[in-house]
């Protein structure tokens, strides 16, 4: 019985190690595609990166919604414990 558990643990370790190793090596080898050729109306000969999109207001909205969700979950848990 103990020997079967050791074999199971060894198989699990080998599979986990191979899984992690394959993702690590795959991420090193695979790369993203290069940027597409700009259209003729682009205005410049070189490819321009994206503009400076503001993330401040979106971040505030995201944090506000996360706080509201957390507050709602906390309130429900409080009501549940109060009823019991």
Protein backbone atom coordinates (compact mmCIF):
# COMPACT_ATOMS: atom_id res chain seq x y z
CA UNK A 1 0.00 0.00 0.00
CA UNK A 2 2.78 2.41 0.93
CA UNK A 3 4.67 1.54 -2.25
CA UNK A 4 1.62 2.36 -4.41
CA UNK A 5 1.37 5.77 -2.73
CA UNK A 6 5.05 6.47 -3.46
CA UNK A 7 4.58 5.51 -7.12
CA UNK A 8 1.48 7.71 -7.37
CA UNK A 9 3.35 10.66 -5.81
CA UNK A 10 6.30 10.13 -8.16
CA UNK A 11 4.01 10.04 -11.22
CA UNK A 12 2.26 13.18 -10.02
CA UNK A 13 5.60 14.93 -9.51
CA UNK A 14 6.86 13.93 -12.95
CA UNK A 15 3.66 15.02 -14.70
CA UNK A 16 3.58 18.35 -12.84
CA UNK A 17 7.24 18.99 -13.60
CA UNK A 18 6.79 18.20 -17.30
CA UNK A 19 3.68 20.39 -17.46
CA UNK A 20 5.45 23.38 -15.93
CA UNK A 21 8.59 22.80 -17.98
CA UNK A 22 6.63 22.60 -21.24
CA UNK A 23 4.83 25.89 -20.57
CA UNK A 24 8.08 27.58 -19.58
CA UNK A 25 9.92 26.44 -22.69
CA UNK A 26 6.97 27.13 -24.98
CA UNK A 27 6.71 30.71 -23.78
CA UNK A 28 10.40 31.19 -24.55
CA UNK A 29 10.08 29.87 -28.10
CA UNK A 30 6.76 31.29 -29.29
CA UNK A 31 6.66 34.98 -30.04
CA UNK A 32 3.95 37.39 -31.12
CA UNK A 33 3.53 38.48 -34.71
CA UNK A 34 5.05 41.70 -35.93
CA UNK A 35 2.90 44.80 -36.39
CA UNK A 36 0.82 44.97 -39.59
CA UNK A 37 1.69 47.32 -42.42
CA UNK A 38 -0.03 50.69 -41.85
CA UNK A 39 -2.72 51.74 -44.37
CA UNK A 40 -1.95 54.33 -47.03
CA UNK A 41 -3.88 57.04 -45.11
CA UNK A 42 -1.60 56.58 -42.10
CA UNK A 43 0.32 59.79 -42.72
CA UNK A 44 3.82 58.62 -41.85
CA UNK A 45 6.23 56.06 -43.23
CA UNK A 46 6.98 54.45 -39.88
CA UNK A 47 4.58 52.47 -37.73
CA UNK A 48 3.30 54.45 -34.74
CA UNK A 49 2.47 52.92 -31.42
CA UNK A 50 -0.92 53.45 -29.79
CA UNK A 51 -1.79 56.78 -28.27
CA UNK A 52 -1.69 57.63 -24.61
CA UNK A 53 -5.05 56.23 -23.55
CA UNK A 54 -5.88 57.39 -20.02
CA UNK A 55 -6.33 54.55 -17.54
CA UNK A 56 -6.97 56.65 -14.44
CA UNK A 57 -10.75 56.91 -14.70
CA UNK A 58 -11.11 53.28 -15.75
CA UNK A 59 -9.02 52.22 -12.79
CA UNK A 60 -11.23 54.22 -10.43
CA UNK A 61 -14.35 52.59 -11.90
CA UNK A 62 -12.81 49.13 -11.58
CA UNK A 63 -11.78 49.69 -7.97
CA UNK A 64 -15.19 51.18 -7.12
CA UNK A 65 -17.03 48.20 -8.58
CA UNK A 66 -14.69 45.76 -6.83
CA UNK A 67 -15.33 47.55 -3.53
CA UNK A 68 -19.08 47.46 -4.07
CA UNK A 69 -18.96 43.76 -4.90
CA UNK A 70 -16.83 43.03 -1.82
CA UNK A 71 -19.17 45.10 0.34
CA UNK A 72 -22.18 43.23 -0.97
CA UNK A 73 -20.55 39.85 -0.28
CA UNK A 74 -19.56 40.98 3.21
CA UNK A 75 -23.07 42.27 3.95
CA UNK A 76 -24.63 39.00 2.81
CA UNK A 77 -22.22 37.05 5.02
CA UNK A 78 -23.03 39.37 7.95
CA UNK A 79 -26.78 38.84 7.47
CA UNK A 80 -26.27 35.08 7.19
CA UNK A 81 -24.29 34.95 10.45
CA UNK A 82 -26.82 37.24 12.17
CA UNK A 83 -29.72 34.92 11.28
CA UNK A 84 -28.01 31.85 12.71
